[in-house]
Amino acid sequence: MEIDLNINGSPHSVDVDPSKPLLWVLRDDLGLVGTKYGCGRGLCGSCTVHLDGSAARSCLLPVGTLADRAITTIEGLGDGPDLHPLQEAWIKEDVPQCGYCQAGQIMTAAALLKRNATPTAGEIDAAMRGNLCRCGTYVRIRRAIQATANGGMA
């Protein structure tokens, strides 16, 4: 089935089974591999994208339900060649170790800062709770989010 999608502000047409998860359409059909597969059950957050500006687990989203929705991946988060302020803070705070979960972490944090530009540490922890990091860089993740919020970079 032909499905028209709006991804990172650009139209994309894919001929796929409408039940195929968005994660696999992004990675396998469109070559947008920044969104990672983690658990396939929406529990780890590695596959997080924005759906109409809100964080969503792409492994749980049947692509056939997304025709009129705005999808943003980590590749579309920045402004052209410029990194998003969170991506800059991630680098400055030396957040990633293995880096596998980082796209999902950044997408979740960006959605948080979009709805709450100055979250408290508790609000950050609550918003990020569903994103797992096997390397345990949670303190640096919180610091990068706080730096972005405090710097007014969101």
Protein backbone atom coordinates (compact mmCIF):
# COMPACT_ATOMS: atom_id res chain seq x y z
CA MET A 1 0.00 0.00 0.00
CA GLU A 2 1.29 3.46 -0.92
CA ILE A 3 1.53 5.72 2.14
CA ASP A 4 2.46 9.40 2.06
CA LEU A 5 4.41 10.62 5.08
CA ASN A 6 5.69 13.99 6.30
CA ILE A 7 9.14 13.31 7.76
CA ASN A 8 11.44 16.11 8.87
CA GLY A 9 9.33 18.58 6.93
CA SER A 10 9.61 16.72 3.62
CA PRO A 11 7.13 14.48 1.84
CA HIS A 12 7.98 10.80 1.50
CA SER A 13 5.97 8.10 -0.22
CA VAL A 14 6.50 4.46 0.73
CA ASP A 15 4.91 1.29 -0.58
CA VAL A 16 4.71 -0.87 2.54
CA ASP A 17 2.33 -2.94 4.63
CA PRO A 18 0.37 -0.36 6.69
CA SER A 19 0.99 -2.40 9.85
CA LYS A 20 4.78 -2.08 9.49
CA PRO A 21 6.21 -0.10 12.41
CA LEU A 22 7.46 3.39 11.62
CA LEU A 23 10.88 2.45 13.03
CA TRP A 24 11.48 -0.04 10.23
CA VAL A 25 10.12 2.26 7.54
CA LEU A 26 12.52 4.97 8.70
CA ARG A 27 15.53 2.66 8.83
CA ASP A 28 14.93 0.13 6.05
CA ASP A 29 12.83 2.02 3.52
CA LEU A 30 14.04 5.61 3.94
CA GLY A 31 17.62 5.15 5.20
CA LEU A 32 17.09 7.32 8.27
CA VAL A 33 19.13 5.18 10.64
CA GLY A 34 19.52 7.65 13.52
CA THR A 35 16.42 6.19 15.14
CA LYS A 36 17.54 2.99 16.85
CA TYR A 37 15.93 -0.36 17.57
CA GLY A 38 16.20 -1.25 21.23
CA CYS A 39 13.49 -3.49 22.61
CA GLY A 40 10.72 -3.40 20.00
CA ARG A 41 8.13 -3.02 22.76
CA GLY A 42 8.22 0.72 23.52
CA LEU A 43 9.98 0.20 26.84
CA CYS A 44 13.51 1.53 26.31
CA GLY A 45 13.06 4.78 24.34
CA SER A 46 15.83 4.20 21.78
CA CYS A 47 13.34 4.54 18.92
CA THR A 48 11.81 7.83 20.09
CA VAL A 49 10.77 10.33 17.41
CA HIS A 50 8.43 13.32 17.50
CA LEU A 51 4.89 12.82 16.29
CA ASP A 52 3.21 16.20 15.91
CA GLY A 53 5.80 17.59 18.33
CA SER A 54 5.37 14.99 21.07
CA ALA A 55 7.75 12.16 21.89
CA ALA A 56 6.53 8.80 20.54
CA ARG A 57 7.98 5.31 20.30
CA SER A 58 8.36 4.55 16.60
CA CYS A 59 8.53 0.78 17.17
CA LEU A 60 4.86 0.89 18.27
CA LEU A 61 3.49 3.13 15.50
CA PRO A 62 1.93 1.37 12.50
CA VAL A 63 2.95 3.48 9.53
CA GLY A 64 -0.54 3.25 8.05
CA THR A 65 -1.86 5.50 10.84
CA LEU A 66 0.59 8.33 10.21
CA ALA A 67 -0.38 9.77 6.82
CA ASP A 68 -1.47 13.19 8.12
CA ARG A 69 1.02 13.50 10.96
CA ALA A 70 4.28 15.44 11.26
CA ILE A 71 7.14 13.08 12.05
CA THR A 72 10.54 14.37 13.17
CA THR A 73 13.56 12.13 13.59
CA ILE A 74 16.96 12.92 15.11
CA GLU A 75 18.14 13.75 11.57
CA GLY A 76 15.54 16.54 11.36
CA LEU A 77 15.92 17.97 14.86
CA GLY A 78 18.58 20.57 14.07
CA ASP A 79 18.26 23.50 11.73
CA GLY A 80 19.81 22.33 8.48
CA PRO A 81 23.53 21.84 9.08
CA ASP A 82 23.29 23.40 12.56
CA LEU A 83 22.91 21.15 15.57
CA HIS A 84 19.97 21.54 17.90
CA PRO A 85 20.98 23.20 21.20
CA LEU A 86 20.42 19.90 22.99
CA GLN A 87 22.82 18.16 20.62
CA GLU A 88 25.38 20.86 21.37
CA ALA A 89 24.83 20.43 25.11
CA TRP A 90 25.17 16.64 24.75
CA ILE A 91 28.61 17.17 23.23
CA LYS A 92 29.65 19.83 25.75
CA GLU A 93 28.57 17.68 28.71
CA ASP A 94 30.21 14.59 27.17
CA VAL A 95 26.98 12.62 27.60
CA PRO A 96 27.35 9.61 25.29
CA GLN A 97 29.45 6.59 26.00
CA CYS A 98 28.24 3.91 23.61
CA GLY A 99 25.77 6.42 22.14
CA TYR A 100 23.13 3.87 21.23
CA CYS A 101 20.28 5.41 23.24
CA GLN A 102 21.26 9.01 22.64
CA ALA A 103 18.97 9.82 19.70
CA GLY A 104 15.95 8.68 21.72
CA GLN A 105 17.19 10.53 24.80
CA ILE A 106 17.65 13.75 22.83
CA MET A 107 14.25 13.46 21.12
CA THR A 108 12.52 12.92 24.47
CA ALA A 109 14.40 15.86 26.01
CA ALA A 110 13.55 18.12 23.06
CA ALA A 111 9.85 17.31 23.43
CA LEU A 112 10.09 18.09 27.16
CA LEU A 113 11.74 21.47 26.55
CA LYS A 114 9.19 22.32 23.88
CA ARG A 115 6.35 21.96 26.38
CA ASN A 116 8.30 23.18 29.45
CA ALA A 117 11.24 25.47 28.71
CA THR A 118 12.46 25.54 32.31
CA PRO A 119 11.86 22.12 33.87
CA THR A 120 13.02 21.30 37.39
CA ALA A 121 15.37 18.39 38.00
CA GLY A 122 12.37 16.35 39.13
CA GLU A 123 10.43 17.20 35.96
CA ILE A 124 13.42 16.22 33.85
CA ASP A 125 13.76 12.92 35.69
CA ALA A 126 10.04 12.20 35.29
CA ALA A 127 10.05 13.00 31.56
CA MET A 128 13.18 10.95 30.91
CA ARG A 129 12.20 7.98 33.08
CA GLY A 130 11.13 5.85 30.12
CA ASN A 131 14.47 6.20 28.32
CA LEU A 132 17.04 3.62 29.34
CA CYS A 133 20.79 4.09 29.14
CA ARG A 134 22.87 0.96 29.62
CA CYS A 135 25.95 3.09 30.23
CA GLY A 136 24.25 4.98 33.07
CA THR A 137 24.93 8.53 31.91
CA TYR A 138 21.75 9.84 33.52
CA VAL A 139 23.51 12.56 35.54
CA ARG A 140 25.16 13.95 32.41
CA ILE A 141 21.86 13.69 30.50
CA ARG A 142 20.10 15.75 33.18
CA ARG A 143 22.98 18.26 33.20
CA ALA A 144 22.77 18.70 29.40
CA ILE A 145 19.02 19.25 29.56
CA GLN A 146 19.38 21.74 32.41
CA ALA A 147 22.17 23.57 30.55
CA THR A 148 19.96 23.86 27.48
CA ALA A 149 16.97 25.07 29.51
CA ASN A 150 19.02 27.49 31.63
CA GLY A 151 20.82 28.83 28.58
CA GLY A 152 17.51 29.51 26.88
CA MET A 153 18.58 27.33 23.97
CA ALA A 154 15.43 25.16 23.72
